[in-house]
Structures are given as C-alpha cells and as structure tokens.
Amino acid sequence: MPGVTIASSYGTAGSVIAPAVAKELGLPLLDRAISVQVAAKLHVTEDEAATAQAHRSRAGRFMSLLAPLAGGVLGAGTDAAPGDAVPNLDEAEAFRDQAELVMRAALAGGAVILGRAGGAALRQEPGVLRVRLFGAKSARLQHAMTFERIDEDAAKERMHQVDGAREQYVRRLYHCDVNDPVLYHLQLDSTAIGPDACAAMIATAYRSMTAAG
C-alpha cells in the first residue's frame, strides 16, 4: 500500500508542497476529494464530512448517516433494508471508517494524501511515509498573510479555526494529538525551508523507504 500522507498546520504551505510531491513521485493527489466522497456516502454536507460531525436533529442525523451503511459497508448484514439502523455504530466511527475506505482505495495504486488525519489513520501501514509540516506560530502567520494576502487579524482568526478543527478531528476520530511526533516519520519546518526543497526531501525520503522495504 504505497504512498505519502502529509499533515499540514495552517500557514505551512501544505497546499503547495503536497501537489509538488505528487508530481515528483508521479502519484495522484488526494485532499478535498476525501470529504467530497465521504459526504456523498453518508448523505451529509462537505463541511460536515470535513469536521466529522453532522449538524442536524438527532433523528435526522442518524437516519441519514446510517441508511447508506445498511448494505454491509461497515459490517451490517447484507439483508438490511435501506434506512435500517446499524447497532452500536456511532457517528465518529461512521466518518472515520468511510474516510479510511477512501484513503485505502487510493493507496492501493499509490497516492499522496493531504490532511484527513492520514498520519493517524495509516500509522500501521508499511510503505506509507507519514509527514508533518510545521513552523513557529509567528512564521506561519507571516506566510499566511503573504500567501493569502490577508491582514494579521484575519490570519490569526483563520489559524485558530483551521488548526482547532484539525486537532479536534484527529482527537475525535483517533483519540490522539495530531502533533504527536510518534505519528510521523518525517517532520519539516516549511516556514524555514522552501516548498521546493521540502517536496524534494519528502520525495527522497519516500523513495528511500520503498527501496529499503
């Protein structure tokens, strides 16, 4: 199951580095498409899939989430009718399992995965290089202000929202800290090292790993 997962804090140029890694390795990039596919499978919005939380009434939420799973995707019997509840399947499990199905299907042919807790989801998979992009808060803010052409207050607000949502997603679905170094083989300060150099190092590390395996 070959590939690379990249966890990117706000302001670390993950949206630039991940495509560069995919191009260098000749692999497809999977990022927002994960949430799109999960949303379609679970009949929720893309925002709900991205946060792994369905913002609906209790009854409506679980009917919507569980209906597409009744055909055995996550362990229900094949005789279950559409709309039947799946016993003991909670919301977080539904989101986590569907996201992992999408990621593992992509990795079957090789892929670079940006975000979606790939480091936590695939930490036991051999042949998958797990990478984290980080940087000092002040440097990340400056990068975001320059790249997104926004002022400092807007960058701080986005950092709070993006990093907070990312940390909550990993904690809720995998009960761990997204910044825990044990989840990653390689950590790069991409506020100090340029995107091209980061992409080159990630590609080199991946080739080394696959050659050693």
N, C-alpha and C. Protein backbone atom coordinates (compact mmCIF):
# COMPACT_ATOMS: atom_id res chain seq x y z
N MET A 1 0.85 -1.19 0.00
CA MET A 1 0.00 0.00 0.00
C MET A 1 0.89 1.24 0.00
N PRO A 2 1.44 1.65 -1.14
CA PRO A 2 2.43 2.73 -1.17
C PRO A 2 1.80 4.11 -1.15
N GLY A 3 2.53 5.08 -0.61
CA GLY A 3 2.05 6.45 -0.66
C GLY A 3 2.64 7.32 0.42
N VAL A 4 2.16 8.57 0.46
CA VAL A 4 2.64 9.57 1.40
C VAL A 4 1.44 10.27 2.01
N THR A 5 1.46 10.46 3.31
CA THR A 5 0.44 11.29 3.96
C THR A 5 1.14 12.54 4.47
N ILE A 6 0.48 13.69 4.31
CA ILE A 6 1.06 14.96 4.73
C ILE A 6 0.08 15.69 5.64
N ALA A 7 0.48 15.92 6.88
CA ALA A 7 -0.29 16.73 7.81
C ALA A 7 0.29 18.13 7.78
N SER A 8 -0.56 19.12 7.61
CA SER A 8 -0.08 20.49 7.41
C SER A 8 -0.79 21.47 8.33
N SER A 9 -0.04 22.10 9.22
CA SER A 9 -0.61 23.15 10.05
C SER A 9 -0.90 24.37 9.18
N TYR A 10 -1.76 25.24 9.66
CA TYR A 10 -2.10 26.45 8.92
C TYR A 10 -0.85 27.30 8.69
N GLY A 11 -0.66 27.74 7.46
CA GLY A 11 0.47 28.61 7.14
C GLY A 11 1.76 27.88 6.84
N THR A 12 1.69 26.57 6.57
CA THR A 12 2.91 25.79 6.27
C THR A 12 2.99 25.36 4.81
N ALA A 13 2.15 25.91 3.96
CA ALA A 13 2.21 25.67 2.51
C ALA A 13 1.93 24.23 2.11
N GLY A 14 1.10 23.56 2.87
CA GLY A 14 0.75 22.19 2.52
C GLY A 14 0.07 22.08 1.16
N SER A 15 -0.74 23.09 0.82
CA SER A 15 -1.45 23.06 -0.45
C SER A 15 -0.52 23.27 -1.64
N VAL A 16 0.71 23.72 -1.37
CA VAL A 16 1.72 23.88 -2.41
C VAL A 16 2.66 22.67 -2.43
N ILE A 17 3.07 22.25 -1.27
CA ILE A 17 4.04 21.16 -1.16
C ILE A 17 3.46 19.81 -1.55
N ALA A 18 2.25 19.51 -1.11
CA ALA A 18 1.65 18.21 -1.43
C ALA A 18 1.52 17.97 -2.93
N PRO A 19 0.99 18.93 -3.71
CA PRO A 19 0.94 18.72 -5.17
C PRO A 19 2.33 18.56 -5.79
N ALA A 20 3.33 19.27 -5.25
CA ALA A 20 4.69 19.15 -5.77
C ALA A 20 5.25 17.76 -5.50
N VAL A 21 4.94 17.20 -4.34
CA VAL A 21 5.38 15.84 -4.02
C VAL A 21 4.70 14.84 -4.96
N ALA A 22 3.41 15.01 -5.16
CA ALA A 22 2.67 14.11 -6.04
C ALA A 22 3.25 14.15 -7.46
N LYS A 23 3.56 15.35 -7.93
CA LYS A 23 4.13 15.48 -9.27
C LYS A 23 5.50 14.83 -9.35
N GLU A 24 6.33 15.05 -8.34
CA GLU A 24 7.68 14.48 -8.31
C GLU A 24 7.65 12.96 -8.32
N LEU A 25 6.68 12.38 -7.60
CA LEU A 25 6.59 10.92 -7.49
C LEU A 25 5.71 10.29 -8.57
N GLY A 26 5.02 11.13 -9.33
CA GLY A 26 4.12 10.60 -10.35
C GLY A 26 2.91 9.89 -9.76
N LEU A 27 2.43 10.41 -8.63
CA LEU A 27 1.28 9.82 -7.94
C LEU A 27 0.12 10.81 -7.91
N PRO A 28 -1.12 10.33 -7.86
CA PRO A 28 -2.26 11.25 -7.74
C PRO A 28 -2.31 11.88 -6.36
N LEU A 29 -2.88 13.06 -6.29
CA LEU A 29 -3.06 13.77 -5.02
C LEU A 29 -4.49 13.63 -4.55
N LEU A 30 -4.65 13.32 -3.29
CA LEU A 30 -5.98 13.19 -2.70
C LEU A 30 -6.06 14.15 -1.52
N ASP A 31 -6.96 15.13 -1.60
CA ASP A 31 -7.11 16.06 -0.49
C ASP A 31 -8.59 16.31 -0.21
N ARG A 32 -9.14 17.35 -0.78
CA ARG A 32 -10.55 17.68 -0.56
C ARG A 32 -11.48 16.58 -1.06
N ALA A 33 -11.03 15.81 -2.02
CA ALA A 33 -11.86 14.74 -2.58
C ALA A 33 -12.28 13.72 -1.52
N ILE A 34 -11.49 13.60 -0.45
CA ILE A 34 -11.86 12.66 0.63
C ILE A 34 -13.18 13.09 1.25
N SER A 35 -13.28 14.37 1.62
CA SER A 35 -14.51 14.87 2.23
C SER A 35 -15.68 14.81 1.25
N VAL A 36 -15.41 15.06 -0.02
CA VAL A 36 -16.47 15.00 -1.03
C VAL A 36 -17.06 13.59 -1.10
N GLN A 37 -16.19 12.59 -1.13
CA GLN A 37 -16.66 11.20 -1.23
C GLN A 37 -17.35 10.74 0.05
N VAL A 38 -16.80 11.14 1.20
CA VAL A 38 -17.44 10.79 2.48
C VAL A 38 -18.81 11.43 2.58
N ALA A 39 -18.92 12.70 2.18
CA ALA A 39 -20.20 13.40 2.22
C ALA A 39 -21.24 12.70 1.36
N ALA A 40 -20.84 12.27 0.17
CA ALA A 40 -21.76 11.59 -0.73
C ALA A 40 -22.20 10.25 -0.14
N LYS A 41 -21.27 9.53 0.46
CA LYS A 41 -21.59 8.21 1.00
C LYS A 41 -22.50 8.29 2.22
N LEU A 42 -22.28 9.28 3.07
CA LEU A 42 -23.04 9.39 4.31
C LEU A 42 -24.23 10.34 4.22
N HIS A 43 -24.44 10.95 3.03
CA HIS A 43 -25.55 11.87 2.84
C HIS A 43 -25.47 13.07 3.78
N VAL A 44 -24.28 13.63 3.91
CA VAL A 44 -24.08 14.83 4.72
C VAL A 44 -23.41 15.88 3.83
N THR A 45 -23.24 17.09 4.36
CA THR A 45 -22.58 18.14 3.59
C THR A 45 -21.06 17.93 3.64
N GLU A 46 -20.35 18.61 2.74
CA GLU A 46 -18.89 18.51 2.75
C GLU A 46 -18.30 19.09 4.03
N ASP A 47 -18.91 20.17 4.55
CA ASP A 47 -18.44 20.74 5.81
C ASP A 47 -18.61 19.75 6.96
N GLU A 48 -19.71 19.03 6.95
CA GLU A 48 -19.93 18.03 7.99
C GLU A 48 -18.93 16.90 7.87
N ALA A 49 -18.63 16.48 6.65
CA ALA A 49 -17.64 15.42 6.44
C ALA A 49 -16.26 15.89 6.87
N ALA A 50 -15.94 17.16 6.59
CA ALA A 50 -14.62 17.69 6.93
C ALA A 50 -14.41 17.79 8.44
N THR A 51 -15.47 18.01 9.20
CA THR A 51 -15.37 18.12 10.65
C THR A 51 -15.77 16.83 11.37
N ALA A 52 -16.27 15.85 10.60
CA ALA A 52 -16.73 14.57 11.15
C ALA A 52 -17.85 14.77 12.17
N GLN A 53 -18.72 15.72 11.89
CA GLN A 53 -19.88 15.97 12.74
C GLN A 53 -21.06 16.38 11.88
N ALA A 54 -22.19 15.72 12.09
CA ALA A 54 -23.40 16.04 11.34
C ALA A 54 -24.23 17.02 12.16
N HIS A 55 -24.46 18.20 11.63
CA HIS A 55 -25.17 19.24 12.36
C HIS A 55 -26.65 19.21 12.00
N ARG A 56 -27.33 18.21 12.50
CA ARG A 56 -28.76 18.05 12.22
C ARG A 56 -29.48 17.62 13.48
N SER A 57 -30.80 17.48 13.38
CA SER A 57 -31.54 16.96 14.53
C SER A 57 -31.05 15.54 14.81
N ARG A 58 -31.20 15.09 16.03
CA ARG A 58 -30.71 13.76 16.41
C ARG A 58 -31.29 12.68 15.49
N ALA A 59 -32.60 12.69 15.31
CA ALA A 59 -33.23 11.65 14.50
C ALA A 59 -32.79 11.75 13.05
N GLY A 60 -32.82 12.95 12.51
CA GLY A 60 -32.44 13.13 11.11
C GLY A 60 -30.99 12.78 10.87
N ARG A 61 -30.13 13.14 11.80
CA ARG A 61 -28.71 12.88 11.65
C ARG A 61 -28.42 11.38 11.55
N PHE A 62 -28.94 10.62 12.49
CA PHE A 62 -28.60 9.21 12.49
C PHE A 62 -29.30 8.43 11.39
N MET A 63 -30.51 8.80 11.02
CA MET A 63 -31.15 8.15 9.88
C MET A 63 -30.33 8.38 8.62
N SER A 64 -29.86 9.61 8.45
CA SER A 64 -29.08 9.95 7.26
C SER A 64 -27.74 9.24 7.26
N LEU A 65 -27.08 9.21 8.41
CA LEU A 65 -25.76 8.59 8.48
C LEU A 65 -25.81 7.08 8.33
N LEU A 66 -26.80 6.46 8.92
CA LEU A 66 -26.82 5.00 8.97
C LEU A 66 -27.46 4.36 7.76
N ALA A 67 -28.33 5.08 7.07
CA ALA A 67 -29.01 4.48 5.92
C ALA A 67 -28.06 3.91 4.87
N PRO A 68 -27.04 4.65 4.41
CA PRO A 68 -26.17 4.10 3.37
C PRO A 68 -25.24 3.02 3.86
N LEU A 69 -25.16 2.82 5.19
CA LEU A 69 -24.27 1.81 5.74
C LEU A 69 -24.97 0.47 5.93
N ALA A 70 -26.26 0.42 5.70
CA ALA A 70 -27.02 -0.78 5.99
C ALA A 70 -26.70 -1.92 5.04
N GLY A 71 -26.08 -1.64 3.92
CA GLY A 71 -25.78 -2.68 2.95
C GLY A 71 -24.50 -3.42 3.21
N GLY A 72 -23.89 -3.22 4.38
CA GLY A 72 -22.72 -4.02 4.73
C GLY A 72 -21.40 -3.29 4.60
N VAL A 73 -21.41 -2.01 4.25
CA VAL A 73 -20.16 -1.29 4.07
C VAL A 73 -19.33 -1.30 5.35
N LEU A 74 -20.01 -1.13 6.49
CA LEU A 74 -19.29 -1.11 7.75
C LEU A 74 -19.70 -2.25 8.67
N GLY A 75 -20.13 -3.34 8.09
CA GLY A 75 -20.37 -4.52 8.90
C GLY A 75 -21.81 -4.91 9.10
N ALA A 76 -22.78 -4.15 8.59
CA ALA A 76 -24.17 -4.55 8.73
C ALA A 76 -24.44 -5.72 7.80
N GLY A 77 -25.47 -6.49 8.09
CA GLY A 77 -25.81 -7.63 7.27
C GLY A 77 -26.29 -7.20 5.90
N THR A 78 -26.08 -8.04 4.90
CA THR A 78 -26.47 -7.68 3.54
C THR A 78 -27.97 -7.70 3.35
N ASP A 79 -28.70 -8.27 4.31
CA ASP A 79 -30.15 -8.32 4.19
C ASP A 79 -30.82 -7.08 4.77
N ALA A 80 -30.03 -6.17 5.32
CA ALA A 80 -30.62 -4.98 5.93
C ALA A 80 -31.25 -4.11 4.86
N ALA A 81 -32.39 -3.54 5.20
CA ALA A 81 -33.10 -2.68 4.25
C ALA A 81 -32.60 -1.25 4.40
N PRO A 82 -32.68 -0.44 3.33
CA PRO A 82 -32.27 0.95 3.42
C PRO A 82 -32.99 1.66 4.55
N GLY A 83 -32.23 2.37 5.37
CA GLY A 83 -32.83 3.09 6.49
C GLY A 83 -32.77 2.33 7.79
N ASP A 84 -32.45 1.01 7.75
CA ASP A 84 -32.33 0.25 8.98
C ASP A 84 -31.16 0.76 9.80
N ALA A 85 -31.31 0.83 11.10
CA ALA A 85 -30.22 1.28 11.95
C ALA A 85 -29.16 0.21 12.07
N VAL A 86 -27.90 0.62 12.17
CA VAL A 86 -26.81 -0.31 12.37
C VAL A 86 -26.45 -0.29 13.85
N PRO A 87 -26.60 -1.40 14.57
CA PRO A 87 -26.37 -1.41 16.00
C PRO A 87 -24.96 -0.99 16.38
N ASN A 88 -24.85 -0.17 17.44
CA ASN A 88 -23.58 0.20 18.04
C ASN A 88 -22.63 0.96 17.11
N LEU A 89 -23.14 1.51 16.04
CA LEU A 89 -22.30 2.30 15.14
C LEU A 89 -22.51 3.77 15.46
N ASP A 90 -21.50 4.45 16.00
CA ASP A 90 -21.71 5.85 16.33
C ASP A 90 -21.23 6.74 15.19
N GLU A 91 -21.49 8.01 15.34
CA GLU A 91 -21.22 8.98 14.29
C GLU A 91 -19.73 9.05 13.94
N ALA A 92 -18.88 9.14 14.96
CA ALA A 92 -17.44 9.24 14.72
C ALA A 92 -16.92 8.02 13.97
N GLU A 93 -17.40 6.83 14.33
CA GLU A 93 -16.96 5.62 13.64
C GLU A 93 -17.36 5.64 12.18
N ALA A 94 -18.56 6.14 11.91
CA ALA A 94 -19.04 6.20 10.52
C ALA A 94 -18.15 7.10 9.68
N PHE A 95 -17.84 8.28 10.20
CA PHE A 95 -16.97 9.21 9.47
C PHE A 95 -15.57 8.64 9.31
N ARG A 96 -15.04 8.08 10.38
CA ARG A 96 -13.67 7.55 10.33
C ARG A 96 -13.56 6.40 9.34
N ASP A 97 -14.50 5.46 9.40
CA ASP A 97 -14.43 4.29 8.53
C ASP A 97 -14.59 4.66 7.06
N GLN A 98 -15.47 5.59 6.78
CA GLN A 98 -15.67 5.99 5.38
C GLN A 98 -14.44 6.73 4.84
N ALA A 99 -13.85 7.60 5.65
CA ALA A 99 -12.65 8.31 5.22
C ALA A 99 -11.51 7.33 4.96
N GLU A 100 -11.38 6.33 5.82
CA GLU A 100 -10.32 5.35 5.64
C GLU A 100 -10.56 4.49 4.40
N LEU A 101 -11.80 4.17 4.10
CA LEU A 101 -12.09 3.43 2.88
C LEU A 101 -11.61 4.20 1.65
N VAL A 102 -11.86 5.50 1.64
CA VAL A 102 -11.45 6.34 0.51
C VAL A 102 -9.92 6.37 0.42
N MET A 103 -9.25 6.58 1.55
CA MET A 103 -7.79 6.67 1.54
C MET A 103 -7.14 5.35 1.14
N ARG A 104 -7.63 4.25 1.67
CA ARG A 104 -7.04 2.95 1.34
C ARG A 104 -7.28 2.56 -0.11
N ALA A 105 -8.41 2.94 -0.64
CA ALA A 105 -8.68 2.66 -2.05
C ALA A 105 -7.69 3.43 -2.93
N ALA A 106 -7.41 4.68 -2.56
CA ALA A 106 -6.45 5.49 -3.33
C ALA A 106 -5.05 4.92 -3.20
N LEU A 107 -4.68 4.49 -2.00
CA LEU A 107 -3.34 3.98 -1.77
C LEU A 107 -3.09 2.64 -2.45
N ALA A 108 -4.13 1.95 -2.82
CA ALA A 108 -3.96 0.67 -3.50
C ALA A 108 -3.15 0.83 -4.78
N GLY A 109 -3.27 2.00 -5.38
CA GLY A 109 -2.50 2.28 -6.59
C GLY A 109 -1.41 3.30 -6.36
N GLY A 110 -1.24 3.75 -5.10
CA GLY A 110 -0.27 4.77 -4.77
C GLY A 110 -0.89 6.15 -4.81
N ALA A 111 -0.63 6.97 -3.79
CA ALA A 111 -1.21 8.30 -3.73
C ALA A 111 -0.48 9.16 -2.70
N VAL A 112 -0.63 10.47 -2.86
CA VAL A 112 -0.20 11.43 -1.85
C VAL A 112 -1.47 11.99 -1.22
N ILE A 113 -1.59 11.86 0.08
CA ILE A 113 -2.80 12.27 0.79
C ILE A 113 -2.48 13.47 1.67
N LEU A 114 -3.21 14.56 1.46
CA LEU A 114 -3.04 15.77 2.26
C LEU A 114 -4.18 15.87 3.27
N GLY A 115 -3.83 15.89 4.56
CA GLY A 115 -4.83 16.06 5.59
C GLY A 115 -5.64 14.82 5.89
N ARG A 116 -6.82 15.04 6.46
CA ARG A 116 -7.76 13.99 6.84
C ARG A 116 -7.17 12.96 7.78
N ALA A 117 -6.26 13.38 8.66
CA ALA A 117 -5.69 12.52 9.69
C ALA A 117 -5.00 11.29 9.12
N GLY A 118 -4.39 11.45 7.95
CA GLY A 118 -3.73 10.32 7.32
C GLY A 118 -2.64 9.70 8.18
N GLY A 119 -1.90 10.53 8.91
CA GLY A 119 -0.84 10.02 9.76
C GLY A 119 -1.37 9.10 10.84
N ALA A 120 -2.51 9.45 11.42
CA ALA A 120 -3.12 8.61 12.46
C ALA A 120 -3.82 7.41 11.86
N ALA A 121 -4.52 7.62 10.76
CA ALA A 121 -5.30 6.54 10.15
C ALA A 121 -4.41 5.42 9.61
N LEU A 122 -3.23 5.79 9.10
CA LEU A 122 -2.39 4.81 8.40
C LEU A 122 -1.07 4.56 9.11
N ARG A 123 -1.05 4.78 10.41
CA ARG A 123 0.21 4.66 11.15
C ARG A 123 0.73 3.23 11.23
N GLN A 124 -0.11 2.25 10.97
CA GLN A 124 0.34 0.85 10.99
C GLN A 124 0.62 0.30 9.60
N GLU A 125 0.48 1.13 8.58
CA GLU A 125 0.64 0.64 7.20
C GLU A 125 2.09 0.75 6.74
N PRO A 126 2.71 -0.37 6.38
CA PRO A 126 4.07 -0.31 5.84
C PRO A 126 4.07 0.32 4.45
N GLY A 127 5.13 1.01 4.11
CA GLY A 127 5.22 1.59 2.77
C GLY A 127 4.56 2.94 2.64
N VAL A 128 3.94 3.44 3.71
CA VAL A 128 3.32 4.77 3.69
C VAL A 128 4.18 5.71 4.51
N LEU A 129 4.75 6.71 3.85
CA LEU A 129 5.56 7.70 4.54
C LEU A 129 4.65 8.76 5.14
N ARG A 130 4.75 8.97 6.43
CA ARG A 130 3.90 9.92 7.13
C ARG A 130 4.71 11.18 7.46
N VAL A 131 4.23 12.32 6.96
CA VAL A 131 4.97 13.58 7.05
C VAL A 131 4.14 14.64 7.77
N ARG A 132 4.81 15.47 8.54
CA ARG A 132 4.16 16.61 9.19
C ARG A 132 4.90 17.88 8.81
N LEU A 133 4.16 18.90 8.38
CA LEU A 133 4.70 20.22 8.11
C LEU A 133 4.33 21.13 9.27
N PHE A 134 5.31 21.81 9.84
CA PHE A 134 5.04 22.66 11.00
C PHE A 134 5.85 23.95 10.89
N GLY A 135 5.74 24.79 11.89
CA GLY A 135 6.50 26.02 11.94
C GLY A 135 6.07 26.84 13.13
N ALA A 136 6.91 27.78 13.53
CA ALA A 136 6.56 28.67 14.63
C ALA A 136 5.30 29.46 14.28
N LYS A 137 4.50 29.76 15.27
CA LYS A 137 3.24 30.46 15.03
C LYS A 137 3.46 31.78 14.31
N SER A 138 4.45 32.54 14.73
CA SER A 138 4.71 33.84 14.11
C SER A 138 5.10 33.69 12.65
N ALA A 139 5.89 32.67 12.34
CA ALA A 139 6.32 32.44 10.95
C ALA A 139 5.14 31.96 10.11
N ARG A 140 4.29 31.13 10.68
CA ARG A 140 3.13 30.64 9.94
C ARG A 140 2.15 31.77 9.64
N LEU A 141 2.00 32.67 10.61
CA LEU A 141 1.13 33.83 10.39
C LEU A 141 1.66 34.68 9.24
N GLN A 142 2.97 34.93 9.23
CA GLN A 142 3.56 35.75 8.19
C GLN A 142 3.40 35.09 6.82
N HIS A 143 3.61 33.78 6.75
CA HIS A 143 3.44 33.07 5.50
C HIS A 143 2.00 33.15 5.02
N ALA A 144 1.06 32.99 5.94
CA ALA A 144 -0.36 33.03 5.57
C ALA A 144 -0.75 34.42 5.08
N MET A 145 -0.27 35.45 5.74
CA MET A 145 -0.59 36.82 5.34
C MET A 145 -0.07 37.10 3.93
N THR A 146 1.12 36.60 3.63
CA THR A 146 1.72 36.83 2.32
C THR A 146 1.03 36.00 1.25
N PHE A 147 0.83 34.73 1.52
CA PHE A 147 0.27 33.81 0.53
C PHE A 147 -1.20 34.11 0.25
N GLU A 148 -1.97 34.39 1.31
CA GLU A 148 -3.41 34.62 1.16
C GLU A 148 -3.76 36.10 0.99
N ARG A 149 -2.78 36.96 1.15
CA ARG A 149 -2.99 38.41 1.02
C ARG A 149 -4.07 38.91 1.98
N ILE A 150 -3.86 38.58 3.24
CA ILE A 150 -4.80 38.99 4.28
C ILE A 150 -4.00 39.69 5.39
N ASP A 151 -4.73 40.42 6.27
CA ASP A 151 -4.03 41.10 7.35
C ASP A 151 -3.81 40.16 8.53
N GLU A 152 -3.09 40.64 9.53
CA GLU A 152 -2.71 39.79 10.66
C GLU A 152 -3.92 39.29 11.44
N ASP A 153 -4.91 40.15 11.67
CA ASP A 153 -6.09 39.73 12.42
C ASP A 153 -6.83 38.60 11.71
N ALA A 154 -6.97 38.72 10.39
CA ALA A 154 -7.65 37.67 9.62
C ALA A 154 -6.85 36.38 9.66
N ALA A 155 -5.52 36.49 9.56
CA ALA A 155 -4.66 35.29 9.59
C ALA A 155 -4.75 34.60 10.95
N LYS A 156 -4.78 35.39 12.02
CA LYS A 156 -4.89 34.79 13.36
C LYS A 156 -6.22 34.06 13.53
N GLU A 157 -7.29 34.66 13.01
CA GLU A 157 -8.60 34.03 13.12
C GLU A 157 -8.64 32.73 12.33
N ARG A 158 -8.09 32.74 11.13
CA ARG A 158 -8.08 31.53 10.31
C ARG A 158 -7.20 30.45 10.94
N MET A 159 -6.08 30.85 11.50
CA MET A 159 -5.21 29.88 12.17
C MET A 159 -5.94 29.20 13.31
N HIS A 160 -6.63 30.01 14.10
CA HIS A 160 -7.39 29.46 15.23
C HIS A 160 -8.45 28.47 14.74
N GLN A 161 -9.15 28.82 13.69
CA GLN A 161 -10.21 27.96 13.17
C GLN A 161 -9.66 26.69 12.52
N VAL A 162 -8.67 26.86 11.64
CA VAL A 162 -8.14 25.73 10.88
C VAL A 162 -7.40 24.74 11.78
N ASP A 163 -6.47 25.25 12.59
CA ASP A 163 -5.72 24.36 13.47
C ASP A 163 -6.62 23.71 14.52
N GLY A 164 -7.58 24.49 15.02
CA GLY A 164 -8.51 23.94 16.02
C GLY A 164 -9.35 22.82 15.44
N ALA A 165 -9.88 23.02 14.23
CA ALA A 165 -10.71 21.99 13.60
C ALA A 165 -9.89 20.74 13.30
N ARG A 166 -8.66 20.93 12.86
CA ARG A 166 -7.78 19.82 12.54
C ARG A 166 -7.46 18.99 13.79
N GLU A 167 -7.14 19.68 14.87
CA GLU A 167 -6.83 18.99 16.12
C GLU A 167 -8.04 18.24 16.66
N GLN A 168 -9.21 18.87 16.57
CA GLN A 168 -10.43 18.23 17.06
C GLN A 168 -10.79 17.00 16.23
N TYR A 169 -10.61 17.09 14.92
CA TYR A 169 -10.92 15.96 14.03
C TYR A 169 -10.09 14.73 14.41
N VAL A 170 -8.80 14.91 14.59
CA VAL A 170 -7.93 13.79 14.93
C VAL A 170 -8.23 13.26 16.33
N ARG A 171 -8.47 14.16 17.27
CA ARG A 171 -8.77 13.74 18.63
C ARG A 171 -10.09 12.98 18.69
N ARG A 172 -11.08 13.45 17.95
CA ARG A 172 -12.40 12.84 18.00
C ARG A 172 -12.42 11.47 17.34
N LEU A 173 -11.73 11.34 16.21
CA LEU A 173 -11.77 10.09 15.47
C LEU A 173 -10.71 9.09 15.90
N TYR A 174 -9.55 9.59 16.37
CA TYR A 174 -8.45 8.67 16.69
C TYR A 174 -7.92 8.79 18.11
N HIS A 175 -8.50 9.69 18.89
CA HIS A 175 -8.16 9.82 20.31
C HIS A 175 -6.66 10.05 20.53
N CYS A 176 -6.07 10.88 19.69
CA CYS A 176 -4.66 11.20 19.84
C CYS A 176 -4.42 12.64 19.42
N ASP A 177 -3.20 13.13 19.67
CA ASP A 177 -2.82 14.50 19.36
C ASP A 177 -2.22 14.54 17.96
N VAL A 178 -2.77 15.38 17.09
CA VAL A 178 -2.29 15.46 15.71
C VAL A 178 -0.83 15.87 15.64
N ASN A 179 -0.32 16.54 16.67
CA ASN A 179 1.07 16.99 16.68
C ASN A 179 2.03 16.01 17.34
N ASP A 180 1.54 14.87 17.75
CA ASP A 180 2.39 13.85 18.39
C ASP A 180 3.42 13.34 17.39
N PRO A 181 4.72 13.50 17.66
CA PRO A 181 5.74 13.08 16.70
C PRO A 181 5.74 11.59 16.39
N VAL A 182 5.16 10.78 17.26
CA VAL A 182 5.15 9.34 17.01
C VAL A 182 4.32 8.98 15.78
N LEU A 183 3.45 9.89 15.34
CA LEU A 183 2.61 9.63 14.18
C LEU A 183 3.36 9.81 12.86
N TYR A 184 4.56 10.37 12.91
CA TYR A 184 5.24 10.76 11.67
C TYR A 184 6.65 10.20 11.56
N HIS A 185 7.03 9.91 10.31
CA HIS A 185 8.42 9.53 10.03
C HIS A 185 9.29 10.77 9.83
N LEU A 186 8.70 11.82 9.28
CA LEU A 186 9.45 13.00 8.87
C LEU A 186 8.68 14.26 9.24
N GLN A 187 9.35 15.20 9.91
CA GLN A 187 8.75 16.49 10.25
C GLN A 187 9.63 17.60 9.68
N LEU A 188 9.01 18.53 8.96
CA LEU A 188 9.75 19.61 8.31
C LEU A 188 9.17 20.97 8.69
N ASP A 189 10.06 21.90 9.05
CA ASP A 189 9.63 23.27 9.29
C ASP A 189 9.59 23.97 7.94
N SER A 190 8.42 23.97 7.33
CA SER A 190 8.29 24.53 5.98
C SER A 190 8.16 26.05 5.97
N THR A 191 8.26 26.67 7.16
CA THR A 191 8.37 28.12 7.18
C THR A 191 9.83 28.55 7.08
N ALA A 192 10.74 27.61 7.36
CA ALA A 192 12.18 27.89 7.28
C ALA A 192 12.80 27.27 6.03
N ILE A 193 12.19 26.22 5.50
CA ILE A 193 12.68 25.53 4.31
C ILE A 193 11.67 25.76 3.19
N GLY A 194 12.13 26.14 2.03
CA GLY A 194 11.23 26.45 0.92
C GLY A 194 10.41 25.27 0.44
N PRO A 195 9.27 25.53 -0.20
CA PRO A 195 8.38 24.46 -0.68
C PRO A 195 9.07 23.46 -1.61
N ASP A 196 9.89 23.94 -2.53
CA ASP A 196 10.56 23.04 -3.46
C ASP A 196 11.50 22.10 -2.73
N ALA A 197 12.26 22.64 -1.77
CA ALA A 197 13.18 21.80 -1.01
C ALA A 197 12.43 20.80 -0.14
N CYS A 198 11.33 21.23 0.46
CA CYS A 198 10.51 20.32 1.27
C CYS A 198 9.98 19.18 0.40
N ALA A 199 9.46 19.52 -0.76
CA ALA A 199 8.92 18.49 -1.66
C ALA A 199 10.00 17.51 -2.08
N ALA A 200 11.20 18.05 -2.37
CA ALA A 200 12.31 17.18 -2.78
C ALA A 200 12.72 16.24 -1.65
N MET A 201 12.76 16.73 -0.43
CA MET A 201 13.14 15.89 0.71
C MET A 201 12.10 14.81 0.98
N ILE A 202 10.84 15.17 0.87
CA ILE A 202 9.78 14.19 1.08
C ILE A 202 9.86 13.09 0.02
N ALA A 203 10.05 13.48 -1.22
CA ALA A 203 10.15 12.51 -2.31
C ALA A 203 11.36 11.60 -2.11
N THR A 204 12.49 12.18 -1.69
CA THR A 204 13.70 11.38 -1.43
C THR A 204 13.47 10.40 -0.29
N ALA A 205 12.82 10.87 0.78
CA ALA A 205 12.54 10.00 1.92
C ALA A 205 11.62 8.86 1.53
N TYR A 206 10.63 9.16 0.69
CA TYR A 206 9.70 8.12 0.26
C TYR A 206 10.42 7.06 -0.59
N ARG A 207 11.25 7.51 -1.50
CA ARG A 207 11.99 6.56 -2.35
C ARG A 207 12.92 5.70 -1.51
N SER A 208 13.55 6.31 -0.51
CA SER A 208 14.42 5.56 0.38
C SER A 208 13.65 4.50 1.15
N MET A 209 12.47 4.89 1.65
CA MET A 209 11.65 3.95 2.40
C MET A 209 11.21 2.77 1.54
N THR A 210 10.74 3.06 0.34
CA THR A 210 10.25 1.98 -0.52
C THR A 210 11.39 1.09 -1.00
N ALA A 211 12.58 1.68 -1.19
CA ALA A 211 13.72 0.88 -1.61
C ALA A 211 14.16 -0.05 -0.49
N ALA A 212 14.12 0.47 0.75
CA ALA A 212 14.52 -0.34 1.90
C ALA A 212 13.53 -1.45 2.18
N GLY A 213 12.24 -1.17 1.83
CA GLY A 213 11.21 -2.18 2.09
C GLY A 213 11.24 -3.30 1.09
